[in-house]
Protein backbone atom coordinates (compact mmCIF):
# COMPACT_ATOMS: atom_id res chain seq x y z
CA UNK A 1 -16.88 -0.89 -34.36
CA UNK A 2 -13.41 -1.51 -35.81
CA UNK A 3 -11.46 -4.46 -34.43
CA UNK A 4 -7.77 -4.84 -33.74
CA UNK A 5 -6.29 -7.47 -36.09
CA UNK A 6 -4.81 -10.47 -34.30
CA UNK A 7 -1.93 -10.53 -36.80
CA UNK A 8 -1.03 -6.97 -35.80
CA UNK A 9 -0.92 -8.05 -32.17
CA UNK A 10 1.33 -10.97 -33.06
CA UNK A 11 3.74 -8.80 -35.04
CA UNK A 12 3.79 -6.20 -32.28
CA UNK A 13 4.44 -8.79 -29.57
CA UNK A 14 7.34 -10.24 -31.57
CA UNK A 15 8.90 -6.77 -31.82
CA UNK A 16 8.30 -6.18 -28.09
CA UNK A 17 10.17 -9.40 -27.33
CA UNK A 18 13.23 -8.10 -29.16
CA UNK A 19 13.09 -4.65 -27.58
CA UNK A 20 12.72 -6.09 -24.09
CA UNK A 21 15.58 -8.57 -24.50
CA UNK A 22 18.00 -6.04 -25.98
CA UNK A 23 17.23 -2.50 -24.79
CA UNK A 24 17.28 -1.69 -21.07
CA UNK A 25 14.61 0.96 -20.28
CA UNK A 26 16.08 4.45 -19.81
CA UNK A 27 14.57 4.90 -16.34
CA UNK A 28 16.39 1.86 -14.97
CA UNK A 29 19.56 2.69 -16.88
CA UNK A 30 19.60 6.15 -15.30
CA UNK A 31 18.94 4.64 -11.88
CA UNK A 32 21.95 2.35 -12.23
CA UNK A 33 24.10 5.24 -13.48
CA UNK A 34 23.21 7.25 -10.37
CA UNK A 35 23.97 4.22 -8.18
CA UNK A 36 27.36 3.91 -9.89
CA UNK A 37 28.11 7.56 -9.18
CA UNK A 38 27.28 7.10 -5.47
CA UNK A 39 29.03 3.75 -5.01
CA UNK A 40 32.32 3.95 -3.06
CA UNK A 41 33.33 0.30 -3.15
CA UNK A 42 35.80 -0.32 -5.96
CA UNK A 43 34.56 -3.79 -6.97
CA UNK A 44 30.89 -2.87 -6.84
CA UNK A 45 31.56 0.25 -8.90
CA UNK A 46 33.49 -1.84 -11.44
CA UNK A 47 30.50 -4.20 -11.78
CA UNK A 48 28.16 -1.28 -12.36
CA UNK A 49 30.49 0.17 -15.01
CA UNK A 50 30.53 -3.19 -16.79
CA UNK A 51 26.72 -3.42 -16.67
CA UNK A 52 26.37 -0.04 -18.33
CA UNK A 53 28.97 -0.94 -20.97
CA UNK A 54 27.27 -4.30 -21.64
CA UNK A 55 23.93 -2.59 -22.25
CA UNK A 56 25.54 -0.24 -24.78
CA UNK A 57 27.09 -3.19 -26.63
CA UNK A 58 23.78 -5.09 -26.68
CA UNK A 59 21.95 -2.11 -28.12
CA UNK A 60 24.63 -1.44 -30.73
CA UNK A 61 24.83 -5.08 -31.85
CA UNK A 62 21.09 -5.84 -31.41
CA UNK A 63 21.73 -8.88 -29.25
CA UNK A 64 20.17 -9.83 -25.88
CA UNK A 65 21.94 -8.07 -23.02
CA UNK A 66 22.01 -11.25 -20.87
CA UNK A 67 22.51 -14.90 -21.80
CA UNK A 68 19.65 -15.80 -19.47
CA UNK A 69 16.68 -14.19 -21.20
CA UNK A 70 14.33 -15.08 -18.36
CA UNK A 71 10.74 -16.29 -18.60
CA UNK A 72 8.87 -14.18 -21.17
CA UNK A 73 5.36 -13.18 -20.13
CA UNK A 74 2.74 -10.59 -21.03
CA UNK A 75 0.54 -7.99 -19.39
CA UNK A 76 -2.43 -6.81 -21.47
CA UNK A 77 -4.42 -3.70 -20.61
CA UNK A 78 -7.65 -3.40 -22.57
CA UNK A 79 -9.52 -0.20 -23.18
CA UNK A 80 -13.15 -0.85 -22.27
CA UNK A 81 -14.27 -0.44 -25.91
CA UNK A 82 -11.46 -2.56 -27.40
CA UNK A 83 -12.39 -5.42 -29.72
CA UNK A 84 -9.96 -8.00 -31.07
CA UNK A 85 -10.49 -9.75 -34.36
CA UNK A 86 -11.27 -13.32 -33.33
CA UNK A 87 -11.69 -12.35 -29.67
CA UNK A 88 -9.37 -12.85 -26.72
CA UNK A 89 -8.67 -16.45 -27.73
CA UNK A 90 -7.14 -15.11 -30.95
CA UNK A 91 -5.13 -12.61 -28.90
CA UNK A 92 -3.67 -15.34 -26.70
CA UNK A 93 -2.86 -17.54 -29.70
CA UNK A 94 -1.08 -14.56 -31.27
CA UNK A 95 1.01 -14.05 -28.13
CA UNK A 96 2.01 -17.70 -28.01
CA UNK A 97 3.04 -17.67 -31.68
CA UNK A 98 5.02 -14.46 -31.15
CA UNK A 99 6.84 -16.00 -28.18
CA UNK A 100 7.85 -19.11 -30.14
CA UNK A 101 8.93 -17.06 -33.16
CA UNK A 102 10.93 -14.61 -31.04
CA UNK A 103 12.67 -17.44 -29.19
CA UNK A 104 14.05 -18.66 -32.52
CA UNK A 105 14.68 -15.34 -34.26
CA UNK A 106 16.18 -13.02 -31.62
CA UNK A 107 17.19 -15.59 -30.24
CA UNK A 108 15.98 -16.09 -26.67
CA UNK A 109 17.21 -18.93 -24.51
CA UNK A 110 14.47 -21.61 -24.39
CA UNK A 111 14.18 -21.57 -20.60
CA UNK A 112 10.72 -23.09 -20.23
CA UNK A 113 10.79 -26.79 -19.37
CA UNK A 114 8.27 -29.34 -18.08
CA UNK A 115 8.68 -29.14 -14.28
CA UNK A 116 8.76 -32.92 -13.77
CA UNK A 117 10.32 -34.42 -16.90
CA UNK A 118 12.46 -31.32 -17.68
CA UNK A 119 11.50 -31.70 -21.34
CA UNK A 120 12.22 -28.50 -23.28
CA UNK A 121 10.07 -27.67 -26.31
CA UNK A 122 12.66 -25.06 -27.32
CA UNK A 123 10.14 -22.25 -27.76
CA UNK A 124 9.29 -20.87 -24.27
CA UNK A 125 5.69 -22.07 -24.70
CA UNK A 126 3.95 -24.71 -22.59
CA UNK A 127 1.52 -25.20 -19.73
CA UNK A 128 0.47 -21.69 -18.61
CA UNK A 129 3.39 -20.29 -20.57
CA UNK A 130 3.72 -17.56 -21.45
CA UNK A 131 1.50 -16.15 -18.70
CA UNK A 132 -0.94 -13.41 -19.74
CA UNK A 133 -2.32 -11.05 -17.08
CA UNK A 134 -5.17 -8.67 -17.92
CA UNK A 135 -6.48 -5.36 -16.66
CA UNK A 136 -9.21 -3.06 -17.95
CA UNK A 137 -9.20 0.71 -18.37
CA UNK A 138 -12.31 2.89 -18.84
CA UNK A 139 -12.86 4.16 -22.37
CA UNK A 140 -10.62 3.62 -25.36
CA UNK A 141 -10.66 1.13 -28.22
CA UNK A 142 -6.96 0.31 -27.89
CA UNK A 143 -5.03 -2.35 -26.04
CA UNK A 144 -1.61 -2.17 -24.40
CA UNK A 145 0.70 -5.16 -24.63
CA UNK A 146 3.67 -5.30 -22.28
CA UNK A 147 6.24 -8.05 -22.32
CA UNK A 148 8.44 -8.71 -19.29
CA UNK A 149 11.41 -11.07 -19.22
CA UNK A 150 12.00 -11.88 -15.55
CA UNK A 151 14.35 -14.54 -14.22
CA UNK A 152 11.95 -15.96 -11.66
CA UNK A 153 14.47 -18.00 -9.62
CA UNK A 154 15.70 -15.92 -6.69
CA UNK A 155 14.84 -12.74 -4.82
CA UNK A 156 11.16 -13.53 -4.23
CA UNK A 157 9.58 -14.29 -0.87
CA UNK A 158 6.45 -13.72 1.18
CA UNK A 159 5.45 -13.66 4.82
CA UNK A 160 2.21 -13.47 6.81
CA UNK A 161 2.70 -10.68 9.30
CA UNK A 162 0.32 -9.63 12.05
CA UNK A 163 -1.06 -6.10 12.32
CA UNK A 164 1.02 -5.65 15.49
CA UNK A 165 4.22 -6.19 13.49
CA UNK A 166 3.55 -2.84 11.82
CA UNK A 167 6.14 -0.95 9.79
CA UNK A 168 9.06 -2.44 11.80
CA UNK A 169 7.90 -5.93 10.78
CA UNK A 170 7.75 -4.89 7.13
CA UNK A 171 11.28 -3.52 7.34
CA UNK A 172 12.56 -6.66 9.04
CA UNK A 173 11.08 -8.86 6.28
CA UNK A 174 12.51 -6.54 3.62
CA UNK A 175 16.03 -6.71 5.06
CA UNK A 176 15.88 -10.48 5.69
CA UNK A 177 14.90 -11.13 2.07
CA UNK A 178 17.53 -8.78 0.63
CA UNK A 179 20.29 -10.35 2.72
CA UNK A 180 19.27 -13.91 1.85
CA UNK A 181 19.39 -13.27 -1.91
CA UNK A 182 21.97 -10.50 -1.96
CA UNK A 183 24.82 -11.97 0.01
CA UNK A 184 25.58 -14.36 -2.87
CA UNK A 185 24.42 -12.10 -5.70
CA UNK A 186 21.57 -14.51 -6.45
CA UNK A 187 19.13 -11.78 -7.48
CA UNK A 188 21.75 -10.09 -9.73
CA UNK A 189 21.47 -6.72 -8.01
CA UNK A 190 21.06 -3.78 -8.25
CA UNK A 191 17.34 -4.42 -8.39
CA UNK A 192 14.01 -2.72 -8.64
CA UNK A 193 12.26 -4.12 -5.57
CA UNK A 194 8.50 -4.56 -5.64
CA UNK A 195 6.63 -4.96 -2.37
CA UNK A 196 2.99 -6.01 -2.27
CA UNK A 197 1.23 -5.49 1.06
CA UNK A 198 -2.27 -6.64 1.95
CA UNK A 199 -4.98 -8.58 0.19
CA UNK A 200 -4.49 -12.34 0.41
CA UNK A 201 -1.34 -14.33 -0.31
CA UNK A 202 -1.96 -14.49 -4.05
CA UNK A 203 -2.87 -10.80 -4.23
CA UNK A 204 0.23 -9.52 -2.46
CA UNK A 205 2.42 -11.82 -4.57
CA UNK A 206 0.84 -10.47 -7.75
CA UNK A 207 1.12 -6.84 -6.64
CA UNK A 208 4.75 -7.27 -5.59
CA UNK A 209 5.71 -8.65 -8.99
CA UNK A 210 3.77 -5.97 -10.86
CA UNK A 211 5.32 -3.26 -8.68
CA UNK A 212 8.81 -4.51 -9.54
CA UNK A 213 8.22 -5.08 -13.24
CA UNK A 214 5.60 -2.55 -14.33
CA UNK A 215 6.53 0.72 -12.64
CA UNK A 216 9.23 3.03 -13.97
CA UNK A 217 12.08 4.05 -11.68
CA UNK A 218 11.29 7.48 -10.25
CA UNK A 219 7.53 6.95 -9.89
CA UNK A 220 5.89 7.15 -6.47
CA UNK A 221 2.78 5.52 -5.09
CA UNK A 222 0.11 8.24 -4.71
CA UNK A 223 -0.79 6.94 -1.25
CA UNK A 224 1.31 9.09 1.16
CA UNK A 225 2.00 6.24 3.58
CA UNK A 226 3.13 3.93 0.76
CA UNK A 227 5.28 6.65 -0.81
CA UNK A 228 7.03 7.33 2.50
CA UNK A 229 7.65 3.60 2.98
CA UNK A 230 9.17 3.35 -0.50
CA UNK A 231 11.78 5.96 0.41
CA UNK A 232 12.55 4.36 3.76
CA UNK A 233 12.95 0.87 2.32
CA UNK A 234 15.25 2.02 -0.48
CA UNK A 235 17.50 3.80 1.99
CA UNK A 236 17.47 0.76 4.28
CA UNK A 237 18.29 -1.63 1.44
CA UNK A 238 21.32 0.42 0.46
CA UNK A 239 22.55 0.62 4.06
CA UNK A 240 23.01 -3.08 4.80
CA UNK A 241 26.44 -3.23 3.15
CA UNK A 242 25.71 -5.28 0.03
CA UNK A 243 26.25 -3.79 -3.41
CA UNK A 244 26.11 -4.91 -7.02
CA UNK A 245 26.17 -8.70 -7.57
CA UNK A 246 26.79 -9.41 -3.88
CA UNK A 247 30.00 -7.42 -3.46
CA UNK A 248 30.26 -5.08 -0.50
CA UNK A 249 28.76 -1.71 -1.29
CA UNK A 250 25.75 0.58 -1.21
CA UNK A 251 24.11 -0.13 -4.56
CA UNK A 252 21.73 -3.01 -3.91
CA UNK A 253 18.42 -1.23 -4.55
CA UNK A 254 17.76 1.13 -7.46
CA UNK A 255 14.16 1.77 -6.36
CA UNK A 256 11.48 0.29 -4.12
CA UNK A 257 7.89 0.25 -5.32
CA UNK A 258 5.14 -0.48 -2.80
CA UNK A 259 1.60 -1.44 -3.82
CA UNK A 260 -1.30 -1.95 -1.43
CA UNK A 261 -4.49 -4.00 -1.21
CA UNK A 262 -7.07 -3.74 1.53
CA UNK A 263 -6.74 -6.86 3.66
CA UNK A 264 -8.23 -8.90 6.49
CA UNK A 265 -8.28 -7.06 9.80
CA UNK A 266 -6.39 -9.90 11.47
CA UNK A 267 -3.39 -10.09 9.17
CA UNK A 268 -0.87 -8.25 7.01
CA UNK A 269 0.45 -10.45 4.18
CA UNK A 270 3.51 -9.12 2.40
CA UNK A 271 5.43 -10.29 -0.67
CA UNK A 272 8.62 -9.07 -2.28
CA UNK A 273 10.04 -9.43 -5.79
CA UNK A 274 13.36 -8.23 -7.17
CA UNK A 275 13.66 -7.23 -10.83
CA UNK A 276 17.35 -7.77 -11.45
CA UNK A 277 19.97 -5.91 -13.50
CA UNK A 278 18.21 -7.37 -16.54
CA UNK A 279 15.12 -5.24 -15.95
CA UNK A 280 13.59 -6.10 -19.30
CA UNK A 281 10.22 -4.71 -20.32
CA UNK A 282 8.67 -3.09 -23.35
CA UNK A 283 5.15 -1.83 -24.10
CA UNK A 284 3.09 -0.98 -27.16
CA UNK A 285 -0.38 0.50 -27.56
CA UNK A 286 -2.21 -1.06 -30.49
CA UNK A 287 -5.15 0.69 -32.19
CA UNK A 288 -7.78 -0.76 -34.54
CA UNK A 289 -6.55 1.72 -37.19
CA UNK A 290 -3.30 -0.25 -37.38
CA UNK A 291 -1.28 2.37 -35.51
CA UNK A 292 1.21 1.04 -32.95
CA UNK A 293 2.89 3.28 -30.37
CA UNK A 294 5.92 1.81 -28.57
CA UNK A 295 7.13 2.99 -25.17
CA UNK A 296 9.17 1.72 -22.19
CA UNK A 297 6.85 2.76 -19.31
CA UNK A 298 3.99 0.24 -19.05
CA UNK A 299 1.71 2.74 -17.25
CA UNK A 300 0.04 -0.25 -15.62
CA UNK A 301 -0.78 1.36 -12.28
CA UNK A 302 -3.41 3.87 -13.31
CA UNK A 303 -5.85 5.65 -11.01
CA UNK A 304 -8.52 3.19 -12.10
CA UNK A 305 -6.31 0.17 -11.39
CA UNK A 306 -5.64 1.49 -7.87
CA UNK A 307 -9.24 2.57 -7.22
CA UNK A 308 -10.56 2.08 -3.69
CA UNK A 309 -13.98 3.75 -3.68
CA UNK A 310 -17.45 2.95 -4.97
CA UNK A 311 -18.32 4.41 -8.35
């Protein structure tokens, strides 16, 4: 069976880094445009206008749209029949090389530092950096590579709720977290808000981040209860009086994405992540033939990824 060349993965990842840093995905761009059209507060509307103009300039001049280019990381979805030349170790080495090269060539800000000594290797590579998260999809000899550049400083929290807290408890946590980060513009709103509910602490944290970073604006969770909660939380987030970058307004949340995991009967863990105005992501599907197909929707949350039955 034909194998996907590791060099092709490296070249593709380097191009993904540039696309993510420079070009805001059209789904988020349209979401912000709609928020701008609805916003009544003069200052918040001005901020949204400047965001849209900044993105146009970045695309035209092929420069990163924000000085803080976040923490680059990858999500890799493997078709079940996919083979990589040199194996998955070669894939990970290719991604690390691409990250270092892109940091110098785009350029990206070298944000990754040693947490204790604060030493900066100036290439966004280090211990567990860049992170690589995997998922598997039935059939197919391809692999999808998605790069996400997320700030990672503010707008993230988690809480262990009890079953009796119910939907009101979820809403209270959602509002508390938005207010804490939004009142000073720390999460650089308007944001795509990802909410992970259930599983264990690590599972809900992972799902919340993936929901924020790997779902396109306008998508809905196929679970009816989750989809209804998404709508309610978005409306609630835009009703608390905080708008773009912490100014008064109604444009704090572009979309809310809820993802679920079956959990312990005695608890209801919940985590929340905000993907800020620099909602940077880009995806490519790489085939062993050498064909590469670029897109902006990661298509991470497939039916198989969300499966809940026995097969």
